Amino acid sequence: FTITRDSATVYLQMNSLKSEDTAVYYCYVT
């Protein structure tokens, strides 16, 4: 996985996904 951001937007590039990556993904900012 690779996390990047552009000002106020955040991205998560997820490669080579596995079954154990199954989940609800939440964005969080401070």
Full PDB file with SEQRES, HELIX, SHEET, SSBOND, CRYST1, ORIGX, SCALE, CONECT and MASTER records, all heavy atoms in Angstrom:
SEQRES   1 A   30  PHE THR ILE THR ARG ASP SER ALA THR VAL TYR LEU GLN          
SEQRES   2 A   30  MET ASN SER LEU LYS SER GLU ASP THR ALA VAL TYR TYR          
SEQRES   3 A   30  CYS TYR VAL THR                                              
HELIX    1 AA1 SER A   19  ASP A   21  5                                   3    
SHEET    1 AA1 2 THR A   2  ASP A   6  0                                        
SHEET    2 AA1 2 THR A   9  GLN A  13 -1                                        
CRYST1    1.000    1.000    1.000  90.00  90.00  90.00 P 1           1          
ORIGX1      1.000000  0.000000  0.000000        0.00000                         
ORIGX2      0.000000  1.000000  0.000000        0.00000                         
ORIGX3      0.000000  0.000000  1.000000        0.00000                         
SCALE1      1.000000  0.000000  0.000000        0.00000                         
SCALE2      0.000000  1.000000  0.000000        0.00000                         
SCALE3      0.000000  0.000000  1.000000        0.00000                         
ATOM      1  N   PHE A   1       0.843  -1.194   0.000  1.00  0.00           N  
ATOM      2  CA  PHE A   1       0.000   0.000   0.000  1.00  0.00           C  
ATOM      3  C   PHE A   1       0.877   1.242   0.000  1.00  0.00           C  
ATOM      4  O   PHE A   1       1.962   1.255   0.582  1.00  0.00           O  
ATOM      5  CB  PHE A   1      -0.886   0.043   1.234  1.00  0.00           C  
ATOM      6  CG  PHE A   1      -1.973  -0.984   1.295  1.00  0.00           C  
ATOM      7  CD1 PHE A   1      -2.041  -2.052   0.405  1.00  0.00           C  
ATOM      8  CD2 PHE A   1      -2.967  -0.891   2.262  1.00  0.00           C  
ATOM      9  CE1 PHE A   1      -3.037  -2.991   0.461  1.00  0.00           C  
ATOM     10  CE2 PHE A   1      -3.984  -1.822   2.342  1.00  0.00           C  
ATOM     11  CZ  PHE A   1      -4.010  -2.881   1.439  1.00  0.00           C  
ATOM     12  N   THR A   2       0.376   2.296  -0.626  1.00  0.00           N  
ATOM     13  CA  THR A   2       1.067   3.577  -0.641  1.00  0.00           C  
ATOM     14  C   THR A   2       0.074   4.686  -0.342  1.00  0.00           C  
ATOM     15  O   THR A   2      -0.958   4.796  -1.019  1.00  0.00           O  
ATOM     16  CB  THR A   2       1.721   3.841  -2.003  1.00  0.00           C  
ATOM     17  OG1 THR A   2       2.628   2.780  -2.325  1.00  0.00           O  
ATOM     18  CG2 THR A   2       2.500   5.157  -1.976  1.00  0.00           C  
ATOM     19  N   ILE A   3       0.402   5.479   0.677  1.00  0.00           N  
ATOM     20  CA  ILE A   3      -0.440   6.625   1.022  1.00  0.00           C  
ATOM     21  C   ILE A   3       0.211   7.894   0.500  1.00  0.00           C  
ATOM     22  O   ILE A   3       1.419   8.094   0.638  1.00  0.00           O  
ATOM     23  CB  ILE A   3      -0.684   6.702   2.550  1.00  0.00           C  
ATOM     24  CG1 ILE A   3      -1.736   7.770   2.869  1.00  0.00           C  
ATOM     25  CG2 ILE A   3       0.605   6.937   3.317  1.00  0.00           C  
ATOM     26  CD1 ILE A   3      -2.209   7.736   4.327  1.00  0.00           C  
ATOM     27  N   THR A   4      -0.587   8.744  -0.129  1.00  0.00           N  
ATOM     28  CA  THR A   4      -0.119  10.037  -0.610  1.00  0.00           C  
ATOM     29  C   THR A   4      -1.193  11.065  -0.331  1.00  0.00           C  
ATOM     30  O   THR A   4      -2.333  10.720  -0.016  1.00  0.00           O  
ATOM     31  CB  THR A   4       0.176  10.007  -2.118  1.00  0.00           C  
ATOM     32  OG1 THR A   4      -1.002   9.590  -2.831  1.00  0.00           O  
ATOM     33  CG2 THR A   4       1.323   9.073  -2.461  1.00  0.00           C  
ATOM     34  N   ARG A   5      -0.816  12.333  -0.449  1.00  0.00           N  
ATOM     35  CA  ARG A   5      -1.797  13.391  -0.250  1.00  0.00           C  
ATOM     36  C   ARG A   5      -1.507  14.546  -1.188  1.00  0.00           C  
ATOM     37  O   ARG A   5      -0.375  14.746  -1.640  1.00  0.00           O  
ATOM     38  CB  ARG A   5      -1.810  13.882   1.199  1.00  0.00           C  
ATOM     39  CG  ARG A   5      -0.523  14.557   1.628  1.00  0.00           C  
ATOM     40  CD  ARG A   5      -0.605  15.001   3.075  1.00  0.00           C  
ATOM     41  NE  ARG A   5      -1.494  16.147   3.258  1.00  0.00           N  
ATOM     42  CZ  ARG A   5      -1.811  16.664   4.446  1.00  0.00           C  
ATOM     43  NH1 ARG A   5      -1.333  16.096   5.551  1.00  0.00           N  
ATOM     44  NH2 ARG A   5      -2.603  17.710   4.545  1.00  0.00           N  
ATOM     45  N   ASP A   6      -2.541  15.294  -1.442  1.00  0.00           N  
ATOM     46  CA  ASP A   6      -2.443  16.482  -2.271  1.00  0.00           C  
ATOM     47  C   ASP A   6      -3.292  17.535  -1.575  1.00  0.00           C  
ATOM     48  O   ASP A   6      -4.514  17.537  -1.716  1.00  0.00           O  
ATOM     49  CB  ASP A   6      -2.970  16.198  -3.672  1.00  0.00           C  
ATOM     50  CG  ASP A   6      -2.930  17.429  -4.571  1.00  0.00           C  
ATOM     51  OD1 ASP A   6      -2.389  18.463  -4.137  1.00  0.00           O  
ATOM     52  OD2 ASP A   6      -3.447  17.345  -5.686  1.00  0.00           O  
ATOM     53  N   SER A   7      -2.625  18.396  -0.796  1.00  0.00           N  
ATOM     54  CA  SER A   7      -3.323  19.432  -0.029  1.00  0.00           C  
ATOM     55  C   SER A   7      -4.314  18.774   0.929  1.00  0.00           C  
ATOM     56  O   SER A   7      -3.908  18.230   1.946  1.00  0.00           O  
ATOM     57  CB  SER A   7      -3.996  20.405  -0.985  1.00  0.00           C  
ATOM     58  OG  SER A   7      -4.613  21.458  -0.262  1.00  0.00           O  
ATOM     59  N   ALA A   8      -5.596  18.803   0.584  1.00  0.00           N  
ATOM     60  CA  ALA A   8      -6.604  18.282   1.501  1.00  0.00           C  
ATOM     61  C   ALA A   8      -7.239  16.998   0.997  1.00  0.00           C  
ATOM     62  O   ALA A   8      -8.351  16.655   1.404  1.00  0.00           O  
ATOM     63  CB  ALA A   8      -7.684  19.334   1.741  1.00  0.00           C  
ATOM     64  N   THR A   9      -6.575  16.300   0.125  1.00  0.00           N  
ATOM     65  CA  THR A   9      -7.050  15.004  -0.361  1.00  0.00           C  
ATOM     66  C   THR A   9      -5.987  13.952  -0.079  1.00  0.00           C  
ATOM     67  O   THR A   9      -4.805  14.179  -0.322  1.00  0.00           O  
ATOM     68  CB  THR A   9      -7.339  15.055  -1.873  1.00  0.00           C  
ATOM     69  OG1 THR A   9      -8.331  16.052  -2.137  1.00  0.00           O  
ATOM     70  CG2 THR A   9      -7.853  13.711  -2.364  1.00  0.00           C  
ATOM     71  N   VAL A  10      -6.433  12.822   0.438  1.00  0.00           N  
ATOM     72  CA  VAL A  10      -5.511  11.735   0.724  1.00  0.00           C  
ATOM     73  C   VAL A  10      -5.912  10.519  -0.107  1.00  0.00           C  
ATOM     74  O   VAL A  10      -7.102  10.272  -0.342  1.00  0.00           O  
ATOM     75  CB  VAL A  10      -5.489  11.395   2.229  1.00  0.00           C  
ATOM     76  CG1 VAL A  10      -6.842  10.908   2.723  1.00  0.00           C  
ATOM     77  CG2 VAL A  10      -4.395  10.385   2.549  1.00  0.00           C  
ATOM     78  N   TYR A  11      -4.910   9.792  -0.566  1.00  0.00           N  
ATOM     79  CA  TYR A  11      -5.112   8.633  -1.414  1.00  0.00           C  
ATOM     80  C   TYR A  11      -4.478   7.405  -0.768  1.00  0.00           C  
ATOM     81  O   TYR A  11      -3.497   7.517  -0.030  1.00  0.00           O  
ATOM     82  CB  TYR A  11      -4.479   8.854  -2.788  1.00  0.00           C  
ATOM     83  CG  TYR A  11      -4.913  10.112  -3.481  1.00  0.00           C  
ATOM     84  CD1 TYR A  11      -4.172  11.284  -3.352  1.00  0.00           C  
ATOM     85  CD2 TYR A  11      -6.066  10.141  -4.266  1.00  0.00           C  
ATOM     86  CE1 TYR A  11      -4.562  12.456  -3.981  1.00  0.00           C  
ATOM     87  CE2 TYR A  11      -6.460  11.310  -4.897  1.00  0.00           C  
ATOM     88  CZ  TYR A  11      -5.714  12.457  -4.761  1.00  0.00           C  
ATOM     89  OH  TYR A  11      -6.113  13.616  -5.386  1.00  0.00           O  
ATOM     90  N   LEU A  12      -5.023   6.253  -1.081  1.00  0.00           N  
ATOM     91  CA  LEU A  12      -4.421   5.000  -0.657  1.00  0.00           C  
ATOM     92  C   LEU A  12      -4.417   4.076  -1.865  1.00  0.00           C  
ATOM     93  O   LEU A  12      -5.471   3.593  -2.288  1.00  0.00           O  
ATOM     94  CB  LEU A  12      -5.186   4.365   0.505  1.00  0.00           C  
ATOM     95  CG  LEU A  12      -4.531   3.129   1.099  1.00  0.00           C  
ATOM     96  CD1 LEU A  12      -3.223   3.509   1.815  1.00  0.00           C  
ATOM     97  CD2 LEU A  12      -5.475   2.428   2.077  1.00  0.00           C  
ATOM     98  N   GLN A  13      -3.235   3.861  -2.410  1.00  0.00           N  
ATOM     99  CA  GLN A  13      -3.072   2.922  -3.503  1.00  0.00           C  
ATOM    100  C   GLN A  13      -2.801   1.556  -2.904  1.00  0.00           C  
ATOM    101  O   GLN A  13      -1.835   1.382  -2.158  1.00  0.00           O  
ATOM    102  CB  GLN A  13      -1.911   3.338  -4.417  1.00  0.00           C  
ATOM    103  CG  GLN A  13      -1.643   2.375  -5.543  1.00  0.00           C  
ATOM    104  CD  GLN A  13      -2.771   2.314  -6.559  1.00  0.00           C  
ATOM    105  OE1 GLN A  13      -3.327   3.345  -6.938  1.00  0.00           O  
ATOM    106  NE2 GLN A  13      -3.115   1.119  -6.996  1.00  0.00           N  
ATOM    107  N   MET A  14      -3.667   0.607  -3.217  1.00  0.00           N  
ATOM    108  CA  MET A  14      -3.567  -0.728  -2.637  1.00  0.00           C  
ATOM    109  C   MET A  14      -3.295  -1.731  -3.747  1.00  0.00           C  
ATOM    110  O   MET A  14      -4.127  -1.916  -4.644  1.00  0.00           O  
ATOM    111  CB  MET A  14      -4.872  -1.082  -1.912  1.00  0.00           C  
ATOM    112  CG  MET A  14      -5.255  -0.070  -0.841  1.00  0.00           C  
ATOM    113  SD  MET A  14      -6.726  -0.545   0.098  1.00  0.00           S  
ATOM    114  CE  MET A  14      -7.978  -0.444  -1.179  1.00  0.00           C  
ATOM    115  N   ASN A  15      -2.126  -2.345  -3.682  1.00  0.00           N  
ATOM    116  CA  ASN A  15      -1.726  -3.348  -4.667  1.00  0.00           C  
ATOM    117  C   ASN A  15      -1.571  -4.706  -4.003  1.00  0.00           C  
ATOM    118  O   ASN A  15      -1.488  -4.802  -2.780  1.00  0.00           O  
ATOM    119  CB  ASN A  15      -0.405  -2.948  -5.327  1.00  0.00           C  
ATOM    120  CG  ASN A  15      -0.486  -1.635  -6.077  1.00  0.00           C  
ATOM    121  OD1 ASN A  15      -1.536  -1.280  -6.628  1.00  0.00           O  
ATOM    122  ND2 ASN A  15       0.607  -0.890  -6.101  1.00  0.00           N  
ATOM    123  N   SER A  16      -1.537  -5.733  -4.814  1.00  0.00           N  
ATOM    124  CA  SER A  16      -1.364  -7.104  -4.309  1.00  0.00           C  
ATOM    125  C   SER A  16      -2.326  -7.387  -3.163  1.00  0.00           C  
ATOM    126  O   SER A  16      -1.932  -7.902  -2.111  1.00  0.00           O  
ATOM    127  CB  SER A  16       0.084  -7.314  -3.846  1.00  0.00           C  
ATOM    128  OG  SER A  16       0.986  -7.075  -4.901  1.00  0.00           O  
ATOM    129  N   LEU A  17      -3.565  -7.063  -3.374  1.00  0.00           N  
ATOM    130  CA  LEU A  17      -4.564  -7.209  -2.315  1.00  0.00           C  
ATOM    131  C   LEU A  17      -4.757  -8.665  -1.933  1.00  0.00           C  
ATOM    132  O   LEU A  17      -4.684  -9.566  -2.773  1.00  0.00           O  
ATOM    133  CB  LEU A  17      -5.883  -6.581  -2.748  1.00  0.00           C  
ATOM    134  CG  LEU A  17      -5.906  -5.048  -2.663  1.00  0.00           C  
ATOM    135  CD1 LEU A  17      -7.022  -4.461  -3.516  1.00  0.00           C  
ATOM    136  CD2 LEU A  17      -6.063  -4.606  -1.209  1.00  0.00           C  
ATOM    137  N   LYS A  18      -5.018  -8.859  -0.638  1.00  0.00           N  
ATOM    138  CA  LYS A  18      -5.238 -10.184  -0.084  1.00  0.00           C  
ATOM    139  C   LYS A  18      -6.632 -10.234   0.536  1.00  0.00           C  
ATOM    140  O   LYS A  18      -7.210  -9.187   0.872  1.00  0.00           O  
ATOM    141  CB  LYS A  18      -4.190 -10.480   0.995  1.00  0.00           C  
ATOM    142  CG  LYS A  18      -2.746 -10.339   0.537  1.00  0.00           C  
ATOM    143  CD  LYS A  18      -1.792 -10.537   1.712  1.00  0.00           C  
ATOM    144  CE  LYS A  18      -0.347 -10.378   1.288  1.00  0.00           C  
ATOM    145  NZ  LYS A  18       0.587 -10.568   2.426  1.00  0.00           N  
ATOM    146  N   SER A  19      -7.120 -11.439   0.742  1.00  0.00           N  
ATOM    147  CA  SER A  19      -8.455 -11.576   1.339  1.00  0.00           C  
ATOM    148  C   SER A  19      -8.512 -10.929   2.715  1.00  0.00           C  
ATOM    149  O   SER A  19      -9.549 -10.391   3.114  1.00  0.00           O  
ATOM    150  CB  SER A  19      -8.858 -13.048   1.413  1.00  0.00           C  
ATOM    151  OG  SER A  19      -7.900 -13.789   2.144  1.00  0.00           O  
ATOM    152  N   GLU A  20      -7.399 -10.952   3.422  1.00  0.00           N  
ATOM    153  CA  GLU A  20      -7.376 -10.352   4.763  1.00  0.00           C  
ATOM    154  C   GLU A  20      -7.404  -8.834   4.740  1.00  0.00           C  
ATOM    155  O   GLU A  20      -7.491  -8.192   5.788  1.00  0.00           O  
ATOM    156  CB  GLU A  20      -6.170 -10.843   5.571  1.00  0.00           C  
ATOM    157  CG  GLU A  20      -4.847 -10.714   4.861  1.00  0.00           C  
ATOM    158  CD  GLU A  20      -4.407 -12.025   4.228  1.00  0.00           C  
ATOM    159  OE1 GLU A  20      -5.267 -12.685   3.570  1.00  0.00           O  
ATOM    160  OE2 GLU A  20      -3.231 -12.376   4.370  1.00  0.00           O  
ATOM    161  N   ASP A  21      -7.324  -8.232   3.575  1.00  0.00           N  
ATOM    162  CA  ASP A  21      -7.485  -6.789   3.464  1.00  0.00           C  
ATOM    163  C   ASP A  21      -8.960  -6.386   3.406  1.00  0.00           C  
ATOM    164  O   ASP A  21      -9.274  -5.181   3.425  1.00  0.00           O  
ATOM    165  CB  ASP A  21      -6.778  -6.265   2.209  1.00  0.00           C  
ATOM    166  CG  ASP A  21      -5.276  -6.443   2.254  1.00  0.00           C  
ATOM    167  OD1 ASP A  21      -4.688  -6.198   3.322  1.00  0.00           O  
ATOM    168  OD2 ASP A  21      -4.699  -6.837   1.224  1.00  0.00           O  
ATOM    169  N   THR A  22      -9.840  -7.353   3.328  1.00  0.00           N  
ATOM    170  CA  THR A  22     -11.268  -7.057   3.297  1.00  0.00           C  
ATOM    171  C   THR A  22     -11.692  -6.348   4.574  1.00  0.00           C  
ATOM    172  O   THR A  22     -11.446  -6.842   5.680  1.00  0.00           O  
ATOM    173  CB  THR A  22     -12.076  -8.351   3.131  1.00  0.00           C  
ATOM    174  OG1 THR A  22     -11.793  -8.917   1.850  1.00  0.00           O  
ATOM    175  CG2 THR A  22     -13.571  -8.083   3.248  1.00  0.00           C  
ATOM    176  N   ALA A  23     -12.288  -5.184   4.426  1.00  0.00           N  
ATOM    177  CA  ALA A  23     -12.682  -4.374   5.571  1.00  0.00           C  
ATOM    178  C   ALA A  23     -13.405  -3.124   5.071  1.00  0.00           C  
ATOM    179  O   ALA A  23     -13.422  -2.840   3.870  1.00  0.00           O  
ATOM    180  CB  ALA A  23     -11.461  -3.951   6.382  1.00  0.00           C  
ATOM    181  N   VAL A  24     -13.961  -2.389   6.024  1.00  0.00           N  
ATOM    182  CA  VAL A  24     -14.419  -1.039   5.738  1.00  0.00           C  
ATOM    183  C   VAL A  24     -13.246  -0.111   6.027  1.00  0.00           C  
ATOM    184  O   VAL A  24     -12.665  -0.161   7.114  1.00  0.00           O  
ATOM    185  CB  VAL A  24     -15.638  -0.654   6.587  1.00  0.00           C  
ATOM    186  CG1 VAL A  24     -16.044   0.800   6.304  1.00  0.00           C  
ATOM    187  CG2 VAL A  24     -16.802  -1.599   6.312  1.00  0.00           C  
ATOM    188  N   TYR A  25     -12.910   0.714   5.056  1.00  0.00           N  
ATOM    189  CA  TYR A  25     -11.786   1.630   5.182  1.00  0.00           C  
ATOM    190  C   TYR A  25     -12.303   3.027   5.484  1.00  0.00           C  
ATOM    191  O   TYR A  25     -13.208   3.531   4.804  1.00  0.00           O  
ATOM    192  CB  TYR A  25     -10.960   1.629   3.901  1.00  0.00           C  
ATOM    193  CG  TYR A  25     -10.093   0.404   3.762  1.00  0.00           C  
ATOM    194  CD1 TYR A  25     -10.663  -0.855   3.530  1.00  0.00           C  
ATOM    195  CD2 TYR A  25      -8.713   0.465   3.909  1.00  0.00           C  
ATOM    196  CE1 TYR A  25      -9.888  -1.994   3.437  1.00  0.00           C  
ATOM    197  CE2 TYR A  25      -7.916  -0.668   3.804  1.00  0.00           C  
ATOM    198  CZ  TYR A  25      -8.511  -1.893   3.574  1.00  0.00           C  
ATOM    199  OH  TYR A  25      -7.732  -3.024   3.481  1.00  0.00           O  
ATOM    200  N   TYR A  26     -11.699   3.650   6.501  1.00  0.00           N  
ATOM    201  CA  TYR A  26     -12.115   4.965   6.958  1.00  0.00           C  
ATOM    202  C   TYR A  26     -10.984   5.979   6.799  1.00  0.00           C  
ATOM    203  O   TYR A  26      -9.841   5.709   7.178  1.00  0.00           O  
ATOM    204  CB  TYR A  26     -12.515   4.936   8.427  1.00  0.00           C  
ATOM    205  CG  TYR A  26     -13.708   4.074   8.741  1.00  0.00           C  
ATOM    206  CD1 TYR A  26     -13.553   2.732   9.061  1.00  0.00           C  
ATOM    207  CD2 TYR A  26     -14.998   4.605   8.702  1.00  0.00           C  
ATOM    208  CE1 TYR A  26     -14.650   1.936   9.354  1.00  0.00           C  
ATOM    209  CE2 TYR A  26     -16.096   3.812   8.992  1.00  0.00           C  
ATOM    210  CZ  TYR A  26     -15.911   2.489   9.314  1.00  0.00           C  
ATOM    211  OH  TYR A  26     -17.007   1.711   9.605  1.00  0.00           O  
ATOM    212  N   CYS A  27     -11.341   7.104   6.283  1.00  0.00           N  
ATOM    213  CA  CYS A  27     -10.424   8.235   6.213  1.00  0.00           C  
ATOM    214  C   CYS A  27     -10.463   8.973   7.556  1.00  0.00           C  
ATOM    215  O   CYS A  27     -11.531   9.094   8.188  1.00  0.00           O  
ATOM    216  CB  CYS A  27     -10.885   9.158   5.090  1.00  0.00           C  
ATOM    217  SG  CYS A  27      -9.965  10.683   4.926  1.00  0.00           S  
ATOM    218  N   TYR A  28      -9.315   9.476   7.986  1.00  0.00           N  
ATOM    219  CA  TYR A  28      -9.209  10.174   9.275  1.00  0.00           C  
ATOM    220  C   TYR A  28      -8.246  11.340   9.086  1.00  0.00           C  
ATOM    221  O   TYR A  28      -7.153  11.167   8.537  1.00  0.00           O  
ATOM    222  CB  TYR A  28      -8.680   9.210  10.333  1.00  0.00           C  
ATOM    223  CG  TYR A  28      -8.300   9.841  11.634  1.00  0.00           C  
ATOM    224  CD1 TYR A  28      -9.254  10.130  12.590  1.00  0.00           C  
ATOM    225  CD2 TYR A  28      -6.963  10.127  11.916  1.00  0.00           C  
ATOM    226  CE1 TYR A  28      -8.901  10.692  13.809  1.00  0.00           C  
ATOM    227  CE2 TYR A  28      -6.605  10.698  13.125  1.00  0.00           C  
ATOM    228  CZ  TYR A  28      -7.575  10.976  14.070  1.00  0.00           C  
ATOM    229  OH  TYR A  28      -7.228  11.541  15.264  1.00  0.00           O  
ATOM    230  N   VAL A  29      -8.662  12.525   9.527  1.00  0.00           N  
ATOM    231  CA  VAL A  29      -7.776  13.686   9.420  1.00  0.00           C  
ATOM    232  C   VAL A  29      -7.803  14.472  10.719  1.00  0.00           C  
ATOM    233  O   VAL A  29      -8.778  14.429  11.486  1.00  0.00           O  
ATOM    234  CB  VAL A  29      -8.177  14.621   8.248  1.00  0.00           C  
ATOM    235  CG1 VAL A  29      -8.220  13.850   6.942  1.00  0.00           C  
ATOM    236  CG2 VAL A  29      -9.504  15.299   8.513  1.00  0.00           C  
ATOM    237  N   THR A  30      -6.723  15.178  10.957  1.00  0.00           N  
ATOM    238  CA  THR A  30      -6.637  16.026  12.140  1.00  0.00           C  
ATOM    239  C   THR A  30      -6.219  17.430  11.722  1.00  0.00           C  
ATOM    240  O   THR A  30      -5.536  17.629  10.714  1.00  0.00           O  
ATOM    241  CB  THR A  30      -5.628  15.506  13.157  1.00  0.00           C  
ATOM    242  OG1 THR A  30      -4.306  15.620  12.603  1.00  0.00           O  
ATOM    243  CG2 THR A  30      -5.895  14.070  13.538  1.00  0.00           C  
TER     244      THR A  30                                                      
MASTER        0    0    0    1    2    0    0    6  243    1    0    3          
END                                                                             
